[in-house]
Amino acid sequence: MTQSTSSDLLIVVSSFSKLEDAQSVARKLIDGRLAACVQIQEGIHSIYRWDGKICEEREVLLSAKTVAGKWLEIADFIKSNHPYDLPEVLGFHPKQYEEHYGEWVQAEVK
């Protein structure tokens, strides 16, 4: 596995119970230049175990486009501004993406 560079594209994902919470975090991510674009998808059906019980919930999925160099800052921001006790915060590096889109993301988070 190769080491990522700080300018490599990164997609950060988190789930929320309410659309309003996801929208609030999304706006702050854009305003703070932690992400270039945030997409929110409603209607996610999550099944998970919490405190020994199996739970089923409708959730909202937030997907933020940023760069690897922002990982610690964006992860900390989401954790600090998330209503869950243990929020999902995952980062994925796309192997391929359109060059101009990647340049736009980099420019937006500087």
PDB file of N, CA and C in Angstrom:
ATOM      1  N   MET A   1       0.844  -1.183   0.000  1.00  0.00           N
ATOM      2  CA  MET A   1       0.000   0.000   0.000  1.00  0.00           C
ATOM      3  C   MET A   1       0.887   1.244   0.000  1.00  0.00           C
ATOM      4  N   THR A   2       0.543   2.194  -0.839  1.00  0.00           N
ATOM      5  CA  THR A   2       1.329   3.417  -0.902  1.00  0.00           C
ATOM      6  C   THR A   2       0.796   4.439   0.094  1.00  0.00           C
ATOM      7  N   GLN A   3       1.682   5.266   0.572  1.00  0.00           N
ATOM      8  CA  GLN A   3       1.320   6.321   1.508  1.00  0.00           C
ATOM      9  C   GLN A   3       0.642   7.455   0.742  1.00  0.00           C
ATOM     10  N   SER A   4      -0.444   7.974   1.271  1.00  0.00           N
ATOM     11  CA  SER A   4      -1.129   9.064   0.594  1.00  0.00           C
ATOM     12  C   SER A   4      -0.406  10.380   0.876  1.00  0.00           C
ATOM     13  N   THR A   5      -0.570  11.314  -0.053  1.00  0.00           N
ATOM     14  CA  THR A   5      -0.007  12.638   0.156  1.00  0.00           C
ATOM     15  C   THR A   5      -1.119  13.556   0.652  1.00  0.00           C
ATOM     16  N   SER A   6      -0.740  14.686   1.209  1.00  0.00           N
ATOM     17  CA  SER A   6      -1.735  15.579   1.813  1.00  0.00           C
ATOM     18  C   SER A   6      -2.718  16.148   0.797  1.00  0.00           C
ATOM     19  N   SER A   7      -2.367  16.127  -0.492  1.00  0.00           N
ATOM     20  CA  SER A   7      -3.267  16.676  -1.508  1.00  0.00           C
ATOM     21  C   SER A   7      -4.125  15.598  -2.186  1.00  0.00           C
ATOM     22  N   ASP A   8      -3.969  14.325  -1.796  1.00  0.00           N
ATOM     23  CA  ASP A   8      -4.793  13.263  -2.375  1.00  0.00           C
ATOM     24  C   ASP A   8      -6.248  13.458  -1.982  1.00  0.00           C
ATOM     25  N   LEU A   9      -7.141  13.193  -2.910  1.00  0.00           N
ATOM     26  CA  LEU A   9      -8.563  13.328  -2.657  1.00  0.00           C
ATOM     27  C   LEU A   9      -8.997  12.348  -1.566  1.00  0.00           C
ATOM     28  N   LEU A  10      -9.880  12.798  -0.680  1.00  0.00           N
ATOM     29  CA  LEU A  10     -10.389  11.991   0.414  1.00  0.00           C
ATOM     30  C   LEU A  10     -11.895  12.207   0.508  1.00  0.00           C
ATOM     31  N   ILE A  11     -12.637  11.133   0.675  1.00  0.00           N
ATOM     32  CA  ILE A  11     -14.075  11.211   0.886  1.00  0.00           C
ATOM     33  C   ILE A  11     -14.331  10.798   2.328  1.00  0.00           C
ATOM     34  N   VAL A  12     -14.943  11.680   3.097  1.00  0.00           N
ATOM     35  CA  VAL A  12     -15.230  11.422   4.506  1.00  0.00           C
ATOM     36  C   VAL A  12     -16.728  11.208   4.648  1.00  0.00           C
ATOM     37  N   VAL A  13     -17.098  10.110   5.308  1.00  0.00           N
ATOM     38  CA  VAL A  13     -18.488   9.700   5.443  1.00  0.00           C
ATOM     39  C   VAL A  13     -18.886   9.670   6.910  1.00  0.00           C
ATOM     40  N   SER A  14     -20.103  10.126   7.181  1.00  0.00           N
ATOM     41  CA  SER A  14     -20.669  10.046   8.528  1.00  0.00           C
ATOM     42  C   SER A  14     -22.185   9.927   8.405  1.00  0.00           C
ATOM     43  N   SER A  15     -22.822   9.282   9.375  1.00  0.00           N
ATOM     44  CA  SER A  15     -24.278   9.149   9.360  1.00  0.00           C
ATOM     45  C   SER A  15     -24.885   9.933  10.513  1.00  0.00           C
ATOM     46  N   PHE A  16     -26.104  10.417  10.289  1.00  0.00           N
ATOM     47  CA  PHE A  16     -26.835  11.235  11.263  1.00  0.00           C
ATOM     48  C   PHE A  16     -28.263  10.732  11.368  1.00  0.00           C
ATOM     49  N   SER A  17     -28.884  10.987  12.502  1.00  0.00           N
ATOM     50  CA  SER A  17     -30.280  10.580  12.666  1.00  0.00           C
ATOM     51  C   SER A  17     -31.240  11.606  12.069  1.00  0.00           C
ATOM     52  N   LYS A  18     -30.811  12.873  11.957  1.00  0.00           N
ATOM     53  CA  LYS A  18     -31.690  13.938  11.463  1.00  0.00           C
ATOM     54  C   LYS A  18     -31.045  14.687  10.308  1.00  0.00           C
ATOM     55  N   LEU A  19     -31.852  14.997   9.307  1.00  0.00           N
ATOM     56  CA  LEU A  19     -31.391  15.778   8.166  1.00  0.00           C
ATOM     57  C   LEU A  19     -30.830  17.116   8.617  1.00  0.00           C
ATOM     58  N   GLU A  20     -31.488  17.768   9.560  1.00  0.00           N
ATOM     59  CA  GLU A  20     -31.059  19.091  10.014  1.00  0.00           C
ATOM     60  C   GLU A  20     -29.650  19.054  10.609  1.00  0.00           C
ATOM     61  N   ASP A  21     -29.317  17.992  11.341  1.00  0.00           N
ATOM     62  CA  ASP A  21     -27.977  17.865  11.914  1.00  0.00           C
ATOM     63  C   ASP A  21     -26.929  17.703  10.814  1.00  0.00           C
ATOM     64  N   ALA A  22     -27.236  16.878   9.825  1.00  0.00           N
ATOM     65  CA  ALA A  22     -26.307  16.679   8.707  1.00  0.00           C
ATOM     66  C   ALA A  22     -26.117  17.978   7.928  1.00  0.00           C
ATOM     67  N   GLN A  23     -27.200  18.714   7.699  1.00  0.00           N
ATOM     68  CA  GLN A  23     -27.111  19.975   6.962  1.00  0.00           C
ATOM     69  C   GLN A  23     -26.286  21.003   7.726  1.00  0.00           C
ATOM     70  N   SER A  24     -26.466  21.059   9.023  1.00  0.00           N
ATOM     71  CA  SER A  24     -25.702  22.008   9.836  1.00  0.00           C
ATOM     72  C   SER A  24     -24.208  21.707   9.774  1.00  0.00           C
ATOM     73  N   VAL A  25     -23.845  20.446   9.926  1.00  0.00           N
ATOM     74  CA  VAL A  25     -22.429  20.061   9.848  1.00  0.00           C
ATOM     75  C   VAL A  25     -21.904  20.328   8.445  1.00  0.00           C
ATOM     76  N   ALA A  26     -22.686  20.002   7.424  1.00  0.00           N
ATOM     77  CA  ALA A  26     -22.256  20.211   6.034  1.00  0.00           C
ATOM     78  C   ALA A  26     -21.943  21.681   5.765  1.00  0.00           C
ATOM     79  N   ARG A  27     -22.825  22.555   6.185  1.00  0.00           N
ATOM     80  CA  ARG A  27     -22.604  23.987   5.958  1.00  0.00           C
ATOM     81  C   ARG A  27     -21.341  24.478   6.665  1.00  0.00           C
ATOM     82  N   LYS A  28     -21.127  24.007   7.881  1.00  0.00           N
ATOM     83  CA  LYS A  28     -19.929  24.402   8.625  1.00  0.00           C
ATOM     84  C   LYS A  28     -18.663  23.850   7.986  1.00  0.00           C
ATOM     85  N   LEU A  29     -18.725  22.646   7.428  1.00  0.00           N
ATOM     86  CA  LEU A  29     -17.559  22.076   6.734  1.00  0.00           C
ATOM     87  C   LEU A  29     -17.189  22.912   5.517  1.00  0.00           C
ATOM     88  N   ILE A  30     -18.207  23.341   4.771  1.00  0.00           N
ATOM     89  CA  ILE A  30     -17.962  24.171   3.587  1.00  0.00           C
ATOM     90  C   ILE A  30     -17.471  25.551   4.011  1.00  0.00           C
ATOM     91  N   ASP A  31     -18.148  26.159   4.972  1.00  0.00           N
ATOM     92  CA  ASP A  31     -17.785  27.491   5.433  1.00  0.00           C
ATOM     93  C   ASP A  31     -16.357  27.532   5.987  1.00  0.00           C
ATOM     94  N   GLY A  32     -15.959  26.472   6.690  1.00  0.00           N
ATOM     95  CA  GLY A  32     -14.620  26.406   7.269  1.00  0.00           C
ATOM     96  C   GLY A  32     -13.553  25.878   6.314  1.00  0.00           C
ATOM     97  N   ARG A  33     -13.939  25.649   5.058  1.00  0.00           N
ATOM     98  CA  ARG A  33     -13.032  25.128   4.024  1.00  0.00           C
ATOM     99  C   ARG A  33     -12.407  23.788   4.406  1.00  0.00           C
ATOM    100  N   LEU A  34     -13.158  22.998   5.184  1.00  0.00           N
ATOM    101  CA  LEU A  34     -12.711  21.643   5.491  1.00  0.00           C
ATOM    102  C   LEU A  34     -13.122  20.672   4.389  1.00  0.00           C
ATOM    103  N   ALA A  35     -14.128  21.064   3.616  1.00  0.00           N
ATOM    104  CA  ALA A  35     -14.596  20.242   2.498  1.00  0.00           C
ATOM    105  C   ALA A  35     -14.959  21.154   1.337  1.00  0.00           C
ATOM    106  N   ALA A  36     -14.805  20.629   0.120  1.00  0.00           N
ATOM    107  CA  ALA A  36     -15.153  21.379  -1.083  1.00  0.00           C
ATOM    108  C   ALA A  36     -16.619  21.163  -1.453  1.00  0.00           C
ATOM    109  N   CYS A  37     -17.129  19.992  -1.133  1.00  0.00           N
ATOM    110  CA  CYS A  37     -18.489  19.612  -1.491  1.00  0.00           C
ATOM    111  C   CYS A  37     -18.971  18.604  -0.460  1.00  0.00           C
ATOM    112  N   VAL A  38     -20.226  18.735  -0.056  1.00  0.00           N
ATOM    113  CA  VAL A  38     -20.820  17.759   0.852  1.00  0.00           C
ATOM    114  C   VAL A  38     -22.151  17.323   0.261  1.00  0.00           C
ATOM    115  N   GLN A  39     -22.333  16.041   0.153  1.00  0.00           N
ATOM    116  CA  GLN A  39     -23.602  15.498  -0.325  1.00  0.00           C
ATOM    117  C   GLN A  39     -24.295  14.809   0.845  1.00  0.00           C
ATOM    118  N   ILE A  40     -25.614  14.935   0.876  1.00  0.00           N
ATOM    119  CA  ILE A  40     -26.411  14.335   1.932  1.00  0.00           C
ATOM    120  C   ILE A  40     -27.466  13.457   1.284  1.00  0.00           C
ATOM    121  N   GLN A  41     -27.507  12.221   1.736  1.00  0.00           N
ATOM    122  CA  GLN A  41     -28.464  11.266   1.181  1.00  0.00           C
ATOM    123  C   GLN A  41     -29.390  10.791   2.290  1.00  0.00           C
ATOM    124  N   GLU A  42     -30.682  11.006   2.085  1.00  0.00           N
ATOM    125  CA  GLU A  42     -31.675  10.566   3.061  1.00  0.00           C
ATOM    126  C   GLU A  42     -32.104   9.127   2.777  1.00  0.00           C
ATOM    127  N   GLY A  43     -32.770   8.537   3.768  1.00  0.00           N
ATOM    128  CA  GLY A  43     -33.385   7.226   3.556  1.00  0.00           C
ATOM    129  C   GLY A  43     -32.466   6.041   3.752  1.00  0.00           C
ATOM    130  N   ILE A  44     -31.364   6.219   4.454  1.00  0.00           N
ATOM    131  CA  ILE A  44     -30.466   5.106   4.728  1.00  0.00           C
ATOM    132  C   ILE A  44     -31.086   4.276   5.852  1.00  0.00           C
ATOM    133  N   HIS A  45     -31.129   2.981   5.687  1.00  0.00           N
ATOM    134  CA  HIS A  45     -31.655   2.080   6.722  1.00  0.00           C
ATOM    135  C   HIS A  45     -30.460   1.382   7.364  1.00  0.00           C
ATOM    136  N   SER A  46     -30.206   1.672   8.629  1.00  0.00           N
ATOM    137  CA  SER A  46     -29.050   1.119   9.335  1.00  0.00           C
ATOM    138  C   SER A  46     -29.499   0.070  10.349  1.00  0.00           C
ATOM    139  N   ILE A  47     -28.771  -1.026  10.393  1.00  0.00           N
ATOM    140  CA  ILE A  47     -28.970  -2.076  11.389  1.00  0.00           C
ATOM    141  C   ILE A  47     -27.633  -2.276  12.069  1.00  0.00           C
ATOM    142  N   TYR A  48     -27.613  -2.180  13.401  1.00  0.00           N
ATOM    143  CA  TYR A  48     -26.360  -2.262  14.138  1.00  0.00           C
ATOM    144  C   TYR A  48     -26.637  -2.718  15.566  1.00  0.00           C
ATOM    145  N   ARG A  49     -25.588  -3.113  16.253  1.00  0.00           N
ATOM    146  CA  ARG A  49     -25.693  -3.494  17.650  1.00  0.00           C
ATOM    147  C   ARG A  49     -25.150  -2.347  18.497  1.00  0.00           C
ATOM    148  N   TRP A  50     -25.923  -1.921  19.498  1.00  0.00           N
ATOM    149  CA  TRP A  50     -25.492  -0.851  20.402  1.00  0.00           C
ATOM    150  C   TRP A  50     -25.943  -1.208  21.810  1.00  0.00           C
ATOM    151  N   ASP A  51     -25.020  -1.177  22.759  1.00  0.00           N
ATOM    152  CA  ASP A  51     -25.299  -1.532  24.146  1.00  0.00           C
ATOM    153  C   ASP A  51     -25.974  -2.898  24.253  1.00  0.00           C
ATOM    154  N   GLY A  52     -25.513  -3.842  23.434  1.00  0.00           N
ATOM    155  CA  GLY A  52     -26.014  -5.211  23.497  1.00  0.00           C
ATOM    156  C   GLY A  52     -27.338  -5.444  22.801  1.00  0.00           C
ATOM    157  N   LYS A  53     -27.932  -4.406  22.204  1.00  0.00           N
ATOM    158  CA  LYS A  53     -29.216  -4.555  21.524  1.00  0.00           C
ATOM    159  C   LYS A  53     -29.048  -4.314  20.031  1.00  0.00           C
ATOM    160  N   ILE A  54     -29.811  -5.045  19.236  1.00  0.00           N
ATOM    161  CA  ILE A  54     -29.828  -4.811  17.800  1.00  0.00           C
ATOM    162  C   ILE A  54     -30.808  -3.671  17.524  1.00  0.00           C
ATOM    163  N   CYS A  55     -30.322  -2.658  16.846  1.00  0.00           N
ATOM    164  CA  CYS A  55     -31.113  -1.466  16.541  1.00  0.00           C
ATOM    165  C   CYS A  55     -31.319  -1.360  15.035  1.00  0.00           C
ATOM    166  N   GLU A  56     -32.459  -0.803  14.659  1.00  0.00           N
ATOM    167  CA  GLU A  56     -32.752  -0.488  13.258  1.00  0.00           C
ATOM    168  C   GLU A  56     -33.244   0.947  13.218  1.00  0.00           C
ATOM    169  N   GLU A  57     -32.576   1.763  12.425  1.00  0.00           N
ATOM    170  CA  GLU A  57     -32.881   3.193  12.370  1.00  0.00           C
ATOM    171  C   GLU A  57     -32.833   3.697  10.939  1.00  0.00           C
ATOM    172  N   ARG A  58     -33.598   4.747  10.681  1.00  0.00           N
ATOM    173  CA  ARG A  58     -33.465   5.504   9.438  1.00  0.00           C
ATOM    174  C   ARG A  58     -32.419   6.561   9.712  1.00  0.00           C
ATOM    175  N   GLU A  59     -31.470   6.703   8.811  1.00  0.00           N
ATOM    176  CA  GLU A  59     -30.408   7.684   8.986  1.00  0.00           C
ATOM    177  C   GLU A  59     -30.199   8.482   7.709  1.00  0.00           C
ATOM    178  N   VAL A  60     -29.364   9.482   7.834  1.00  0.00           N
ATOM    179  CA  VAL A  60     -28.970  10.357   6.737  1.00  0.00           C
ATOM    180  C   VAL A  60     -27.464  10.206   6.581  1.00  0.00           C
ATOM    181  N   LEU A  61     -26.998  10.015   5.353  1.00  0.00           N
ATOM    182  CA  LEU A  61     -25.574   9.813   5.104  1.00  0.00           C
ATOM    183  C   LEU A  61     -24.951  11.093   4.552  1.00  0.00           C
ATOM    184  N   LEU A  62     -23.899  11.561   5.204  1.00  0.00           N
ATOM    185  CA  LEU A  62     -23.149  12.742   4.780  1.00  0.00           C
ATOM    186  C   LEU A  62     -21.853  12.259   4.137  1.00  0.00           C
ATOM    187  N   SER A  63     -21.530  12.804   2.985  1.00  0.00           N
ATOM    188  CA  SER A  63     -20.315  12.449   2.262  1.00  0.00           C
ATOM    189  C   SER A  63     -19.591  13.739   1.868  1.00  0.00           C
ATOM    190  N   ALA A  64     -18.417  13.974   2.456  1.00  0.00           N
ATOM    191  CA  ALA A  64     -17.674  15.213   2.242  1.00  0.00           C
ATOM    192  C   ALA A  64     -16.436  14.956   1.391  1.00  0.00           C
ATOM    193  N   LYS A  65     -16.231  15.780   0.375  1.00  0.00           N
ATOM    194  CA  LYS A  65     -15.045  15.674  -0.484  1.00  0.00           C
ATOM    195  C   LYS A  65     -13.999  16.657   0.009  1.00  0.00           C
ATOM    196  N   THR A  66     -12.826  16.150   0.316  1.00  0.00           N
ATOM    197  CA  THR A  66     -11.743  16.963   0.845  1.00  0.00           C
ATOM    198  C   THR A  66     -10.415  16.357   0.395  1.00  0.00           C
ATOM    199  N   VAL A  67      -9.332  16.707   1.087  1.00  0.00           N
ATOM    200  CA  VAL A  67      -8.016  16.142   0.798  1.00  0.00           C
ATOM    201  C   VAL A  67      -7.460  15.488   2.055  1.00  0.00           C
ATOM    202  N   ALA A  68      -6.534  14.574   1.860  1.00  0.00           N
ATOM    203  CA  ALA A  68      -5.975  13.793   2.971  1.00  0.00           C
ATOM    204  C   ALA A  68      -5.374  14.668   4.062  1.00  0.00           C
ATOM    205  N   GLY A  69      -4.804  15.797   3.696  1.00  0.00           N
ATOM    206  CA  GLY A  69      -4.190  16.688   4.671  1.00  0.00           C
ATOM    207  C   GLY A  69      -5.190  17.290   5.650  1.00  0.00           C
ATOM    208  N   LYS A  70      -6.481  17.198   5.355  1.00  0.00           N
ATOM    209  CA  LYS A  70      -7.530  17.725   6.231  1.00  0.00           C
ATOM    210  C   LYS A  70      -8.139  16.641   7.124  1.00  0.00           C
ATOM    211  N   TRP A  71      -7.666  15.392   7.001  1.00  0.00           N
ATOM    212  CA  TRP A  71      -8.290  14.268   7.708  1.00  0.00           C
ATOM    213  C   TRP A  71      -8.442  14.507   9.210  1.00  0.00           C
ATOM    214  N   LEU A  72      -7.378  14.823   9.905  1.00  0.00           N
ATOM    215  CA  LEU A  72      -7.464  14.980  11.360  1.00  0.00           C
ATOM    216  C   LEU A  72      -8.397  16.121  11.737  1.00  0.00           C
ATOM    217  N   GLU A  73      -8.304  17.220  11.008  1.00  0.00           N
ATOM    218  CA  GLU A  73      -9.131  18.384  11.313  1.00  0.00           C
ATOM    219  C   GLU A  73     -10.613  18.108  11.064  1.00  0.00           C
ATOM    220  N   ILE A  74     -10.930  17.466   9.940  1.00  0.00           N
ATOM    221  CA  ILE A  74     -12.333  17.198   9.623  1.00  0.00           C
ATOM    222  C   ILE A  74     -12.897  16.111  10.540  1.00  0.00           C
ATOM    223  N   ALA A  75     -12.109  15.095  10.851  1.00  0.00           N
ATOM    224  CA  ALA A  75     -12.569  14.039  11.763  1.00  0.00           C
ATOM    225  C   ALA A  75     -12.854  14.613  13.147  1.00  0.00           C
ATOM    226  N   ASP A  76     -11.958  15.442  13.651  1.00  0.00           N
ATOM    227  CA  ASP A  76     -12.168  16.074  14.953  1.00  0.00           C
ATOM    228  C   ASP A  76     -13.392  16.987  14.930  1.00  0.00           C
ATOM    229  N   PHE A  77     -13.561  17.730  13.840  1.00  0.00           N
ATOM    230  CA  PHE A  77     -14.702  18.631  13.725  1.00  0.00           C
ATOM    231  C   PHE A  77     -16.011  17.847  13.759  1.00  0.00           C
ATOM    232  N   ILE A  78     -16.096  16.781  12.978  1.00  0.00           N
ATOM    233  CA  ILE A  78     -17.327  15.984  12.948  1.00  0.00           C
ATOM    234  C   ILE A  78     -17.602  15.390  14.324  1.00  0.00           C
ATOM    235  N   LYS A  79     -16.583  14.819  14.958  1.00  0.00           N
ATOM    236  CA  LYS A  79     -16.785  14.240  16.293  1.00  0.00           C
ATOM    237  C   LYS A  79     -17.262  15.295  17.292  1.00  0.00           C
ATOM    238  N   SER A  80     -16.723  16.485  17.230  1.00  0.00           N
ATOM    239  CA  SER A  80     -17.084  17.558  18.165  1.00  0.00           C
ATOM    240  C   SER A  80     -18.470  18.139  17.908  1.00  0.00           C
ATOM    241  N   ASN A  81     -18.958  18.024  16.677  1.00  0.00           N
ATOM    242  CA  ASN A  81     -20.231  18.635  16.304  1.00  0.00           C
ATOM    243  C   ASN A  81     -21.328  17.617  16.012  1.00  0.00           C
ATOM    244  N   HIS A  82     -21.103  16.379  16.376  1.00  0.00           N
ATOM    245  CA  HIS A  82     -22.032  15.288  16.079  1.00  0.00           C
ATOM    246  C   HIS A  82     -22.858  14.957  17.307  1.00  0.00           C
ATOM    247  N   PRO A  83     -24.160  14.714  17.144  1.00  0.00           N
ATOM    248  CA  PRO A  83     -24.991  14.387  18.303  1.00  0.00           C
ATOM    249  C   PRO A  83     -24.791  12.963  18.848  1.00  0.00           C
ATOM    250  N   TYR A  84     -24.201  12.062  18.085  1.00  0.00           N
ATOM    251  CA  TYR A  84     -24.018  10.683  18.554  1.00  0.00           C
ATOM    252  C   TYR A  84     -22.879  10.598  19.561  1.00  0.00           C
ATOM    253  N   ASP A  85     -22.967   9.657  20.491  1.00  0.00           N
ATOM    254  CA  ASP A  85     -21.876   9.394  21.437  1.00  0.00           C
ATOM    255  C   ASP A  85     -20.641   8.875  20.703  1.00  0.00           C
ATOM    256  N   LEU A  86     -20.858   8.039  19.703  1.00  0.00           N
ATOM    257  CA  LEU A  86     -19.772   7.462  18.914  1.00  0.00           C
ATOM    258  C   LEU A  86     -20.130   7.587  17.438  1.00  0.00           C
ATOM    259  N   PRO A  87     -19.828   8.734  16.830  1.00  0.00           N
ATOM    260  CA  PRO A  87     -20.204   8.917  15.425  1.00  0.00           C
ATOM    261  C   PRO A  87     -19.318   8.110  14.480  1.00  0.00           C
ATOM    262  N   GLU A  88     -19.935   7.696  13.404  1.00  0.00           N
ATOM    263  CA  GLU A  88     -19.204   7.065  12.308  1.00  0.00           C
ATOM    264  C   GLU A  88     -18.431   8.160  11.585  1.00  0.00           C
ATOM    265  N   VAL A  89     -17.126   8.014  11.473  1.00  0.00           N
ATOM    266  CA  VAL A  89     -16.304   8.945  10.696  1.00  0.00           C
ATOM    267  C   VAL A  89     -15.301   8.084   9.938  1.00  0.00           C
ATOM    268  N   LEU A  90     -15.539   7.926   8.648  1.00  0.00           N
ATOM    269  CA  LEU A  90     -14.706   7.073   7.801  1.00  0.00           C
ATOM    270  C   LEU A  90     -14.113   7.890   6.668  1.00  0.00           C
ATOM    271  N   GLY A  91     -12.878   7.586   6.304  1.00  0.00           N
ATOM    272  CA  GLY A  91     -12.232   8.257   5.185  1.00  0.00           C
ATOM    273  C   GLY A  91     -11.836   7.263   4.118  1.00  0.00           C
ATOM    274  N   PHE A  92     -12.143   7.586   2.875  1.00  0.00           N
ATOM    275  CA  PHE A  92     -11.827   6.729   1.741  1.00  0.00           C
ATOM    276  C   PHE A  92     -11.071   7.513   0.686  1.00  0.00           C
ATOM    277  N   HIS A  93     -10.036   6.896   0.135  1.00  0.00           N
ATOM    278  CA  HIS A  93      -9.299   7.496  -0.975  1.00  0.00           C
ATOM    279  C   HIS A  93      -9.764   6.851  -2.275  1.00  0.00           C
ATOM    280  N   PRO A  94     -10.368   7.626  -3.169  1.00  0.00           N
ATOM    281  CA  PRO A  94     -10.694   7.041  -4.468  1.00  0.00           C
ATOM    282  C   PRO A  94      -9.401   6.775  -5.245  1.00  0.00           C
ATOM    283  N   LYS A  95      -9.346   5.628  -5.880  1.00  0.00           N
ATOM    284  CA  LYS A  95      -8.142   5.299  -6.656  1.00  0.00           C
ATOM    285  C   LYS A  95      -8.045   6.159  -7.899  1.00  0.00           C
ATOM    286  N   GLN A  96      -9.189   6.490  -8.454  1.00  0.00           N
ATOM    287  CA  GLN A  96      -9.193   7.293  -9.670  1.00  0.00           C
ATOM    288  C   GLN A  96     -10.249   8.373  -9.550  1.00  0.00           C
ATOM    289  N   TYR A  97      -9.948   9.532 -10.083  1.00  0.00           N
ATOM    290  CA  TYR A  97     -10.912  10.622 -10.163  1.00  0.00           C
ATOM    291  C   TYR A  97     -10.462  11.570 -11.255  1.00  0.00           C
ATOM    292  N   GLU A  98     -11.415  12.331 -11.772  1.00  0.00           N
ATOM    293  CA  GLU A  98     -11.129  13.249 -12.851  1.00  0.00           C
ATOM    294  C   GLU A  98     -10.191  14.343 -12.339  1.00  0.00           C
ATOM    295  N   GLU A  99      -9.134  14.591 -13.075  1.00  0.00           N
ATOM    296  CA  GLU A  99      -8.054  15.484 -12.649  1.00  0.00           C
ATOM    297  C   GLU A  99      -8.536  16.888 -12.284  1.00  0.00           C
ATOM    298  N   HIS A 100      -9.388  17.467 -13.126  1.00  0.00           N
ATOM    299  CA  HIS A 100      -9.849  18.836 -12.864  1.00  0.00           C
ATOM    300  C   HIS A 100     -10.730  18.901 -11.616  1.00  0.00           C
ATOM    301  N   TYR A 101     -11.507  17.848 -11.367  1.00  0.00           N
ATOM    302  CA  TYR A 101     -12.320  17.800 -10.152  1.00  0.00           C
ATOM    303  C   TYR A 101     -11.402  17.764  -8.932  1.00  0.00           C
ATOM    304  N   GLY A 102     -10.360  16.953  -8.976  1.00  0.00           N
ATOM    305  CA  GLY A 102      -9.405  16.880  -7.875  1.00  0.00           C
ATOM    306  C   GLY A 102      -8.730  18.216  -7.618  1.00  0.00           C
ATOM    307  N   GLU A 103      -8.392  18.920  -8.685  1.00  0.00           N
ATOM    308  CA  GLU A 103      -7.777  20.251  -8.535  1.00  0.00           C
ATOM    309  C   GLU A 103      -8.749  21.233  -7.902  1.00  0.00           C
ATOM    310  N   TRP A 104     -10.027  21.142  -8.286  1.00  0.00           N
ATOM    311  CA  TRP A 104     -11.039  22.018  -7.710  1.00  0.00           C
ATOM    312  C   TRP A 104     -11.185  21.760  -6.206  1.00  0.00           C
ATOM    313  N   VAL A 105     -11.242  20.482  -5.815  1.00  0.00           N
ATOM    314  CA  VAL A 105     -11.344  20.141  -4.389  1.00  0.00           C
ATOM    315  C   VAL A 105     -10.149  20.730  -3.627  1.00  0.00           C
ATOM    316  N   GLN A 106      -8.950  20.530  -4.163  1.00  0.00           N
ATOM    317  CA  GLN A 106      -7.738  21.051  -3.508  1.00  0.00           C
ATOM    318  C   GLN A 106      -7.815  22.565  -3.344  1.00  0.00           C
ATOM    319  N   ALA A 107      -8.264  23.269  -4.383  1.00  0.00           N
ATOM    320  CA  ALA A 107      -8.340  24.732  -4.328  1.00  0.00           C
ATOM    321  C   ALA A 107      -9.392  25.201  -3.311  1.00  0.00           C
ATOM    322  N   GLU A 108     -10.472  24.483  -3.176  1.00  0.00           N
ATOM    323  CA  GLU A 108     -11.556  24.884  -2.279  1.00  0.00           C
ATOM    324  C   GLU A 108     -11.233  24.696  -0.806  1.00  0.00           C
ATOM    325  N   VAL A 109     -10.328  23.789  -0.483  1.00  0.00           N
ATOM    326  CA  VAL A 109     -10.027  23.526   0.933  1.00  0.00           C
ATOM    327  C   VAL A 109      -8.733  24.187   1.391  1.00  0.00           C
ATOM    328  N   LYS A 110      -8.151  25.015   0.548  1.00  0.00           N
ATOM    329  CA  LYS A 110      -6.920  25.730   0.946  1.00  0.00           C
ATOM    330  C   LYS A 110      -7.255  26.908   1.824  1.00  0.00           C
TER     331      LYS A 110
END
